[in-house]
Amino acid sequence: MKKSRILTATLAAAMVGTLALTACSGGDSGDGGDSGNKEITFMFRGGTDEKAAYQAAIDKYTEDTGVKVNVIVTDADQYATKLQAAVSGNNVPDVFYIEQASLQSYVASGVLMDITDAVDASGVDLDNIWPYGVDSYRFNGTVQGTSDGALYGLPKDVGPFSFGYNKTMLEAAGIPLPDKDTPLTWDEFVAICKQLTVDTDGDGAVDQWGTGLNVQWNLQSLVWGNGGDWTNEDHTKVTVDTPEFAEALQAFADLTLVDNVTPSASDAATLDTYQRWMAGEIGFFPVGPWDVSVYNDLDFDYDLIPWPTLGTESATWVGSLGIGVSATSDYPDEAVKLATYLSADADAQQTLVDANIQIPNLIDMADTWAADTAAEPANRQEFLDIVQDYGHAMPAAFTYGAEWYDELWTNIQPVLDGEKTAADYLAETQPKMQQLLDESIANAEQAG
């Protein structure tokens, strides 16, 4: 069964907050005449493994260049707030993570440097970096994500959102393992989930489930695989009120309401589905490259497969974070060098990849990485298949803000609780989403 060939761009997040952030501007301790006295600031987000890997890479950059890097790191849920506070306070870090949905507003407000010429002069082989990643940070003044735009960042990574299964659980249940190349039909997937949803200790209560998916991050694959989408091709019209979209949303809700293969709301309140997956209580669960360092230490074997589909083709999203350079950096040359080093240097990439926090940005390195037969998960090729073949952009990746997209999730709970049909909810919600999208388009035109 052929996986669909759709690839554009990714994750979106709103910029909010007014918290103060200190020590963000580049500076030096001397006259700035040589690299030994230069200091730039790099702000990023990440967990323990990512922090350690980036510090190791940055230490090597400092060793090679003599440029000191002041690192500011936050947890993921604090990053957007603290970065926006730095921007509002005219204290922008020299180098920092940027999200795709923030790019256009940062360009319009003069926060991001156009690094096109500097990257060209650096000798970086952009053809050896995933086109999806590079083009995500191009903007031609009208459209983001196309190859003709100026470059306002380089990819920190590309993040294919894959689907995993508990291999140990399926083997114990005597269930044949899913094919690594052919997606399960939705009926096949639900049937396996029903076999896995059992009371393992005999106390009369289910304590093992087929799956447990979060609607905000997992509905996309069902919608796209069923032929639906959030907008038209040029992102001007919201298209959620369609039979294809409604069927997908209803099928998602019915995993709980009809099929009974997911933890109940009360079960999830006690222990969420991520924690239950980690404890070996869930059969199927999504896996991103950022999860691998943790999942490889779990007490069960897992692997990757294509996403199950309501249609004939598998679909999922592929995200990205970028690394941008402040337009007001005191040391633009050094800042661009750090951005290109973290994104495209083979040694830096190897440090990050060895930490199991991302797939390689470099295509030739990624091919070797995926072919490693001793690796875990065994089917790492699935990550590359998503980037190369059947990954989609997140719906708000290239729009001017994500408020219109976020509106879908605001009042979706009655559908998940069985109090409202998916079709009725989407009919009510589409006009609200369209109004917000129209406002974002107007804002983009005004900013441009």
Protein backbone atom coordinates (compact mmCIF):
# COMPACT_ATOMS: atom_id res chain seq x y z
CA MET A 1 0.00 0.00 0.00
CA LYS A 2 1.57 3.29 -1.06
CA LYS A 3 2.08 5.95 1.56
CA SER A 4 0.89 9.37 0.44
CA ARG A 5 3.36 11.94 -0.84
CA ILE A 6 2.46 15.13 0.92
CA LEU A 7 5.03 17.33 2.61
CA THR A 8 4.92 20.94 3.62
CA ALA A 9 5.58 22.19 7.20
CA THR A 10 4.78 22.14 11.03
CA LEU A 11 4.16 22.92 14.65
CA ALA A 12 2.71 26.22 15.71
CA ALA A 13 2.66 28.07 18.99
CA ALA A 14 1.35 31.44 20.09
CA MET A 15 3.74 34.00 21.54
CA VAL A 16 2.49 35.24 24.88
CA GLY A 17 3.58 36.71 28.19
CA THR A 18 5.58 39.57 29.60
CA LEU A 19 8.08 37.90 31.91
CA ALA A 20 11.48 39.53 32.23
CA LEU A 21 14.53 37.78 30.80
CA THR A 22 18.06 38.85 31.61
CA ALA A 23 21.45 38.25 30.03
CA CYS A 24 20.14 37.90 26.48
CA SER A 25 22.23 40.35 24.52
CA GLY A 26 25.65 39.52 23.16
CA GLY A 27 28.57 41.25 24.81
CA ASP A 28 32.28 41.00 25.42
CA SER A 29 34.69 41.46 28.28
CA GLY A 30 37.28 43.38 26.34
CA ASP A 31 37.60 45.55 23.30
CA GLY A 32 35.93 43.03 20.97
CA GLY A 33 39.07 42.85 18.83
CA ASP A 34 39.48 39.08 18.81
CA SER A 35 37.22 36.06 19.13
CA GLY A 36 38.55 35.20 22.58
CA ASN A 37 36.72 38.22 24.01
CA LYS A 38 33.46 37.69 22.15
CA GLU A 39 30.39 36.30 23.83
CA ILE A 40 27.05 35.46 22.25
CA THR A 41 23.85 34.16 23.79
CA PHE A 42 21.97 31.05 22.70
CA MET A 43 18.45 30.45 24.00
CA PHE A 44 16.68 27.15 23.53
CA ARG A 45 14.32 24.73 25.20
CA GLY A 46 14.66 21.08 26.05
CA GLY A 47 14.75 18.26 28.55
CA THR A 48 17.74 16.84 30.37
CA ASP A 49 19.12 14.84 27.44
CA GLU A 50 18.79 17.72 24.99
CA LYS A 51 20.42 20.18 27.40
CA ALA A 52 23.41 17.88 27.87
CA ALA A 53 23.81 17.23 24.14
CA TYR A 54 23.64 20.91 23.21
CA GLN A 55 26.09 21.86 25.91
CA ALA A 56 28.55 19.31 24.56
CA ALA A 57 28.14 20.65 21.02
CA ILE A 58 28.50 24.25 22.17
CA ASP A 59 31.60 23.45 24.20
CA LYS A 60 33.17 22.13 20.98
CA TYR A 61 32.12 25.31 19.12
CA THR A 62 33.82 27.45 21.76
CA GLU A 63 36.93 25.27 21.64
CA ASP A 64 37.14 25.65 17.87
CA THR A 65 36.30 29.37 17.59
CA GLY A 66 37.21 30.93 20.92
CA VAL A 67 33.73 32.48 21.08
CA LYS A 68 32.03 32.01 24.43
CA VAL A 69 28.36 31.05 24.33
CA ASN A 70 26.09 32.08 27.18
CA VAL A 71 23.39 29.39 27.23
CA ILE A 72 19.85 30.13 28.39
CA VAL A 73 17.65 27.05 28.47
CA THR A 74 14.01 26.72 29.50
CA ASP A 75 11.43 23.98 29.69
CA ALA A 76 9.25 23.67 26.61
CA ASP A 77 6.17 25.19 28.23
CA GLN A 78 8.06 28.32 29.32
CA TYR A 79 10.01 29.01 26.15
CA ALA A 80 7.53 31.01 24.07
CA THR A 81 6.67 33.23 27.01
CA LYS A 82 10.27 33.99 27.91
CA LEU A 83 11.37 34.54 24.34
CA GLN A 84 8.53 36.96 23.72
CA ALA A 85 9.46 38.78 26.92
CA ALA A 86 13.00 39.14 25.61
CA VAL A 87 11.71 40.44 22.28
CA SER A 88 9.37 42.91 23.99
CA GLY A 89 12.24 44.12 26.17
CA ASN A 90 14.62 44.61 23.22
CA ASN A 91 16.89 42.01 24.76
CA VAL A 92 16.82 39.40 22.03
CA PRO A 93 19.29 36.48 22.28
CA ASP A 94 21.91 36.40 19.53
CA VAL A 95 20.81 32.89 18.51
CA PHE A 96 17.54 31.23 19.49
CA TYR A 97 14.97 28.61 18.61
CA ILE A 98 12.14 29.80 16.39
CA GLU A 99 8.87 28.07 15.67
CA GLN A 100 7.53 28.02 12.15
CA ALA A 101 4.33 29.82 13.11
CA SER A 102 6.35 32.67 14.64
CA LEU A 103 8.61 33.27 11.66
CA GLN A 104 6.48 35.71 9.69
CA SER A 105 5.74 37.96 12.65
CA TYR A 106 9.41 38.00 13.68
CA VAL A 107 10.42 38.92 10.14
CA ALA A 108 7.80 41.67 9.96
CA SER A 109 8.91 43.12 13.29
CA GLY A 110 12.60 43.05 12.37
CA VAL A 111 13.58 40.51 15.03
CA LEU A 112 15.15 37.96 12.67
CA MET A 113 18.18 38.53 10.50
CA ASP A 114 18.09 37.58 6.82
CA ILE A 115 20.95 35.08 6.79
CA THR A 116 20.70 34.07 3.12
CA ASP A 117 24.00 35.57 1.99
CA ALA A 118 25.88 34.61 5.14
CA VAL A 119 24.83 30.97 4.83
CA ASP A 120 25.74 30.95 1.13
CA ALA A 121 29.17 32.34 1.98
CA SER A 122 29.68 29.77 4.73
CA GLY A 123 29.83 26.90 2.27
CA VAL A 124 27.04 24.94 3.98
CA ASP A 125 25.59 22.39 1.56
CA LEU A 126 21.88 23.13 1.85
CA ASP A 127 21.15 20.33 -0.64
CA ASN A 128 22.28 17.85 2.02
CA ILE A 129 19.76 19.16 4.57
CA TRP A 130 16.13 18.05 4.41
CA PRO A 131 14.36 20.48 2.02
CA TYR A 132 11.38 20.54 4.35
CA GLY A 133 13.60 21.82 7.14
CA VAL A 134 15.38 24.48 5.10
CA ASP A 135 12.28 25.76 3.31
CA SER A 136 10.35 26.03 6.58
CA TYR A 137 12.46 29.08 7.42
CA ARG A 138 12.29 30.77 4.01
CA PHE A 139 9.90 33.66 3.47
CA ASN A 140 9.52 35.72 0.30
CA GLY A 141 7.41 38.44 1.87
CA THR A 142 4.16 36.73 0.95
CA VAL A 143 4.56 32.98 1.27
CA GLN A 144 6.55 30.96 3.80
CA GLY A 145 7.91 27.50 3.09
CA THR A 146 8.87 27.85 -0.56
CA SER A 147 12.33 27.54 -2.04
CA ASP A 148 12.38 31.09 -3.46
CA GLY A 149 12.23 32.87 -0.11
CA ALA A 150 14.99 34.58 1.87
CA LEU A 151 16.44 32.44 4.64
CA TYR A 152 15.63 33.61 8.16
CA GLY A 153 16.84 30.54 10.01
CA LEU A 154 18.13 27.01 9.66
CA PRO A 155 16.44 23.88 10.93
CA LYS A 156 17.36 22.80 14.40
CA ASP A 157 15.69 19.56 13.36
CA VAL A 158 12.84 17.97 11.51
CA GLY A 159 10.43 16.09 13.74
CA PRO A 160 8.52 13.24 12.09
CA PHE A 161 5.66 12.10 14.35
CA SER A 162 5.65 8.34 14.01
CA PHE A 163 3.45 5.58 15.42
CA GLY A 164 4.77 3.00 17.82
CA TYR A 165 3.60 -0.26 19.29
CA ASN A 166 4.50 -2.33 22.34
CA LYS A 167 6.13 -5.31 20.67
CA THR A 168 6.37 -7.24 23.93
CA MET A 169 2.63 -6.85 24.58
CA LEU A 170 1.58 -8.02 21.13
CA GLU A 171 3.90 -11.01 21.26
CA ALA A 172 2.56 -12.00 24.69
CA ALA A 173 -0.99 -11.84 23.32
CA GLY A 174 -0.07 -14.00 20.33
CA ILE A 175 -0.91 -11.21 17.87
CA PRO A 176 1.12 -11.10 14.64
CA LEU A 177 3.30 -8.00 14.53
CA PRO A 178 2.13 -5.26 12.15
CA ASP A 179 3.86 -4.90 8.80
CA LYS A 180 6.47 -2.15 8.90
CA ASP A 181 5.61 -0.94 5.39
CA THR A 182 1.84 -1.37 5.07
CA PRO A 183 -0.46 0.70 7.30
CA LEU A 184 -3.18 -1.08 9.22
CA THR A 185 -6.68 -0.25 8.10
CA TRP A 186 -8.75 1.40 10.80
CA ASP A 187 -10.81 -1.75 11.29
CA GLU A 188 -7.65 -3.84 11.65
CA PHE A 189 -6.23 -1.38 14.14
CA VAL A 190 -9.40 -1.32 16.27
CA ALA A 191 -9.61 -5.13 16.21
CA ILE A 192 -6.09 -5.47 17.59
CA CYS A 193 -6.77 -2.79 20.19
CA LYS A 194 -9.81 -4.77 21.38
CA GLN A 195 -7.68 -7.88 21.80
CA LEU A 196 -5.19 -5.91 23.88
CA THR A 197 -7.76 -4.21 26.13
CA VAL A 198 -8.01 -6.65 29.04
CA ASP A 199 -8.02 -7.16 32.79
CA THR A 200 -4.56 -8.66 33.33
CA ASP A 201 -4.72 -9.19 37.10
CA GLY A 202 -8.25 -10.57 37.34
CA ASP A 203 -9.68 -7.93 39.65
CA GLY A 204 -12.51 -7.08 37.29
CA ALA A 205 -11.03 -3.78 36.10
CA VAL A 206 -9.31 -3.19 32.77
CA ASP A 207 -5.67 -2.35 33.31
CA GLN A 208 -4.27 -2.77 29.79
CA TRP A 209 -5.57 -0.86 26.77
CA GLY A 210 -5.13 -0.97 23.04
CA THR A 211 -4.28 2.70 22.73
CA GLY A 212 -4.62 6.13 24.32
CA LEU A 213 -4.29 9.09 21.97
CA ASN A 214 -4.48 12.83 22.58
CA VAL A 215 -6.84 14.49 20.13
CA GLN A 216 -4.77 17.65 19.66
CA TRP A 217 -1.69 15.79 18.42
CA ASN A 218 -3.19 12.64 16.91
CA LEU A 219 -6.35 13.63 15.05
CA GLN A 220 -4.29 14.98 12.15
CA SER A 221 -3.27 11.57 10.83
CA LEU A 222 -6.87 10.35 10.74
CA VAL A 223 -8.13 13.48 8.98
CA TRP A 224 -5.41 13.57 6.32
CA GLY A 225 -5.54 9.82 5.76
CA ASN A 226 -9.29 10.12 5.18
CA GLY A 227 -8.92 12.88 2.59
CA GLY A 228 -9.80 15.81 4.87
CA ASP A 229 -7.84 18.91 5.76
CA TRP A 230 -8.00 22.09 7.83
CA THR A 231 -7.77 24.59 4.98
CA ASN A 232 -7.62 24.89 1.24
CA GLU A 233 -4.23 24.83 -0.47
CA ASP A 234 -3.43 28.53 -0.06
CA HIS A 235 -4.59 28.61 3.58
CA THR A 236 -7.37 31.13 3.03
CA LYS A 237 -10.46 28.98 3.67
CA VAL A 238 -11.14 26.69 6.62
CA THR A 239 -12.38 23.27 5.47
CA VAL A 240 -13.14 21.30 8.63
CA ASP A 241 -16.90 21.08 8.02
CA THR A 242 -16.71 18.16 5.58
CA PRO A 243 -17.85 14.52 5.71
CA GLU A 244 -14.21 13.34 5.58
CA PHE A 245 -13.18 15.44 8.55
CA ALA A 246 -16.29 14.55 10.54
CA GLU A 247 -15.82 10.83 9.93
CA ALA A 248 -12.24 11.07 11.19
CA LEU A 249 -13.13 13.01 14.32
CA GLN A 250 -16.03 10.68 15.10
CA ALA A 251 -13.83 7.60 14.63
CA PHE A 252 -11.31 9.12 17.03
CA ALA A 253 -14.00 9.78 19.66
CA ASP A 254 -15.44 6.30 19.16
CA LEU A 255 -12.18 4.68 20.27
CA THR A 256 -13.47 5.57 23.74
CA LEU A 257 -17.22 5.85 23.26
CA VAL A 258 -17.88 2.75 21.17
CA ASP A 259 -14.77 0.60 20.91
CA ASN A 260 -13.76 0.97 24.58
CA VAL A 261 -10.06 0.52 23.80
CA THR A 262 -8.73 3.61 25.60
CA PRO A 263 -8.55 4.52 29.30
CA SER A 264 -11.66 6.27 30.56
CA ALA A 265 -11.56 9.90 31.66
CA SER A 266 -11.32 8.78 35.29
CA ASP A 267 -8.52 6.33 34.43
CA ALA A 268 -6.63 9.04 32.60
CA ALA A 269 -7.10 11.44 35.50
CA THR A 270 -5.38 8.94 37.77
CA LEU A 271 -2.54 8.24 35.36
CA ASP A 272 -2.36 9.86 31.91
CA THR A 273 -1.91 7.78 28.79
CA TYR A 274 1.72 8.80 28.29
CA GLN A 275 2.56 7.46 31.73
CA ARG A 276 0.53 4.32 31.03
CA TRP A 277 2.46 3.76 27.79
CA MET A 278 5.69 4.18 29.72
CA ALA A 279 4.45 1.62 32.26
CA GLY A 280 3.71 -0.93 29.53
CA GLU A 281 -0.08 -0.67 29.83
CA ILE A 282 -0.87 0.59 26.30
CA GLY A 283 -0.37 -1.22 23.00
CA PHE A 284 -0.13 1.62 20.43
CA PHE A 285 1.21 5.12 21.02
CA PRO A 286 2.91 7.89 18.99
CA VAL A 287 6.69 8.19 18.96
CA GLY A 288 8.72 11.26 18.01
CA PRO A 289 12.51 11.30 17.65
CA TRP A 290 12.64 13.35 20.85
CA ASP A 291 11.12 10.38 22.73
CA VAL A 292 13.70 7.80 21.73
CA SER A 293 16.26 8.49 24.45
CA VAL A 294 13.56 7.79 27.07
CA TYR A 295 11.68 5.01 25.27
CA ASN A 296 14.85 3.00 24.69
CA ASP A 297 15.11 2.53 28.47
CA LEU A 298 11.58 1.19 28.93
CA ASP A 299 10.97 -2.30 30.28
CA PHE A 300 9.50 -3.53 27.00
CA ASP A 301 10.48 -3.67 23.35
CA TYR A 302 8.80 -1.25 20.95
CA ASP A 303 9.01 -0.45 17.27
CA LEU A 304 7.58 1.87 14.63
CA ILE A 305 4.93 1.35 11.95
CA PRO A 306 2.98 3.60 9.58
CA TRP A 307 -0.07 5.29 11.08
CA PRO A 308 -3.30 3.29 10.76
CA THR A 309 -5.70 4.86 8.30
CA LEU A 310 -9.39 5.30 7.58
CA GLY A 311 -8.54 5.65 3.89
CA THR A 312 -5.97 3.90 1.74
CA GLU A 313 -2.85 5.87 2.65
CA SER A 314 -1.02 6.63 5.86
CA ALA A 315 -0.53 10.22 7.00
CA THR A 316 0.98 12.10 9.91
CA TRP A 317 2.67 15.40 10.64
CA VAL A 318 6.29 16.36 10.55
CA GLY A 319 7.37 19.28 12.67
CA SER A 320 10.46 21.40 12.93
CA LEU A 321 12.15 23.95 15.09
CA GLY A 322 14.47 26.50 13.60
CA ILE A 323 17.56 28.30 14.76
CA GLY A 324 17.40 32.02 14.07
CA VAL A 325 19.81 34.93 14.49
CA SER A 326 18.87 38.27 16.02
CA ALA A 327 18.88 41.19 13.62
CA THR A 328 20.36 43.29 16.43
CA SER A 329 23.20 40.96 17.43
CA ASP A 330 26.48 42.70 18.24
CA TYR A 331 28.27 39.75 16.66
CA PRO A 332 26.27 38.68 13.61
CA ASP A 333 29.11 36.71 12.01
CA GLU A 334 29.67 34.63 15.12
CA ALA A 335 25.94 34.19 15.63
CA VAL A 336 25.45 32.89 12.08
CA LYS A 337 28.43 30.57 12.54
CA LEU A 338 26.82 29.10 15.66
CA ALA A 339 23.49 28.63 13.87
CA THR A 340 25.12 26.91 10.89
CA TYR A 341 27.29 24.81 13.22
CA LEU A 342 24.35 23.48 15.22
CA SER A 343 22.25 22.84 12.12
CA ALA A 344 24.75 21.56 9.59
CA ASP A 345 28.12 20.60 11.11
CA ALA A 346 28.62 16.83 10.94
CA ASP A 347 30.30 16.60 14.36
CA ALA A 348 27.62 18.70 16.05
CA GLN A 349 24.89 16.65 14.38
CA GLN A 350 26.54 13.43 15.51
CA THR A 351 26.57 14.68 19.10
CA LEU A 352 22.85 15.46 18.97
CA VAL A 353 21.92 12.26 17.14
CA ASP A 354 23.94 10.09 19.51
CA ALA A 355 21.87 11.54 22.35
CA ASN A 356 18.73 10.09 20.67
CA ILE A 357 16.92 13.42 20.63
CA GLN A 358 16.49 13.94 16.88
CA ILE A 359 17.08 12.44 13.48
CA PRO A 360 20.07 13.78 11.53
CA ASN A 361 19.54 17.03 9.63
CA LEU A 362 22.10 15.84 7.08
CA ILE A 363 20.54 13.51 4.53
CA ASP A 364 23.59 11.33 3.99
CA MET A 365 24.05 10.92 7.73
CA ALA A 366 20.36 10.08 8.14
CA ASP A 367 20.55 7.27 5.59
CA THR A 368 23.44 5.67 7.47
CA TRP A 369 21.69 6.23 10.79
CA ALA A 370 18.48 4.54 9.64
CA ALA A 371 20.34 1.54 8.23
CA ASP A 372 21.95 0.64 11.56
CA THR A 373 20.58 -2.84 12.26
CA ALA A 374 21.59 -2.69 15.93
CA ALA A 375 19.57 0.47 16.55
CA GLU A 376 16.48 0.86 18.67
CA PRO A 377 13.78 1.21 17.55
CA ALA A 378 14.63 -1.22 14.79
CA ASN A 379 12.50 0.50 12.13
CA ARG A 380 14.09 3.94 12.33
CA GLN A 381 13.55 4.16 8.58
CA GLU A 382 9.93 5.03 9.38
CA PHE A 383 11.06 8.44 10.63
CA LEU A 384 12.74 9.11 7.28
CA ASP A 385 9.75 7.81 5.32
CA ILE A 386 7.61 10.44 7.02
CA VAL A 387 10.01 13.25 6.14
CA GLN A 388 10.54 12.03 2.57
CA ASP A 389 7.14 10.68 1.73
CA TYR A 390 3.98 11.00 3.76
CA GLY A 391 4.49 13.74 6.32
CA HIS A 392 2.30 16.85 6.32
CA ALA A 393 2.85 20.28 7.80
CA MET A 394 0.87 21.11 10.87
CA PRO A 395 -2.13 23.18 9.70
CA ALA A 396 -0.95 26.49 11.18
CA ALA A 397 2.73 26.13 10.34
CA PHE A 398 2.76 28.75 7.61
CA THR A 399 -0.08 31.03 8.63
CA TYR A 400 0.35 34.29 10.49
CA GLY A 401 -0.32 32.89 13.94
CA ALA A 402 -2.23 29.83 15.13
CA GLU A 403 -5.27 31.22 16.92
CA TRP A 404 -7.62 30.09 14.15
CA TYR A 405 -6.27 26.54 14.41
CA ASP A 406 -6.36 26.45 18.21
CA GLU A 407 -10.06 27.28 18.10
CA LEU A 408 -10.85 23.74 16.97
CA TRP A 409 -9.69 22.33 20.30
CA THR A 410 -11.34 24.91 22.54
CA ASN A 411 -14.75 23.25 22.88
CA ILE A 412 -14.10 19.78 21.45
CA GLN A 413 -14.59 17.87 24.70
CA PRO A 414 -18.38 17.29 24.27
CA VAL A 415 -17.57 15.32 21.10
CA LEU A 416 -15.09 13.16 23.00
CA ASP A 417 -17.65 12.69 25.79
CA GLY A 418 -20.40 11.66 23.36
CA GLU A 419 -22.56 14.70 24.09
CA LYS A 420 -22.30 16.10 20.55
CA THR A 421 -21.62 14.54 17.17
CA ALA A 422 -18.47 15.41 15.30
CA ALA A 423 -20.51 16.71 12.35
CA ASP A 424 -22.54 19.09 14.51
CA TYR A 425 -19.47 20.40 16.28
CA LEU A 426 -17.54 21.06 13.07
CA ALA A 427 -20.50 22.90 11.54
CA GLU A 428 -20.57 25.19 14.59
CA THR A 429 -16.82 25.66 14.75
CA GLN A 430 -15.83 26.29 11.14
CA PRO A 431 -17.28 29.87 11.02
CA LYS A 432 -15.40 30.77 14.19
CA MET A 433 -12.18 29.38 12.78
CA GLN A 434 -12.74 31.21 9.49
CA GLN A 435 -13.21 34.53 11.26
CA LEU A 436 -9.93 34.07 13.13
CA LEU A 437 -8.13 32.99 9.96
CA ASP A 438 -9.44 36.06 8.14
CA GLU A 439 -8.11 38.22 10.96
CA SER A 440 -4.71 36.55 10.77
CA ILE A 441 -4.55 37.15 7.01
CA ALA A 442 -5.43 40.80 7.56
CA ASN A 443 -2.75 41.08 10.24
CA ALA A 444 -0.21 39.52 7.92
CA GLU A 445 -1.08 42.00 5.16
CA GLN A 446 -0.82 44.89 7.56
CA ALA A 447 2.52 43.68 8.93
CA GLY A 448 3.85 43.14 5.43
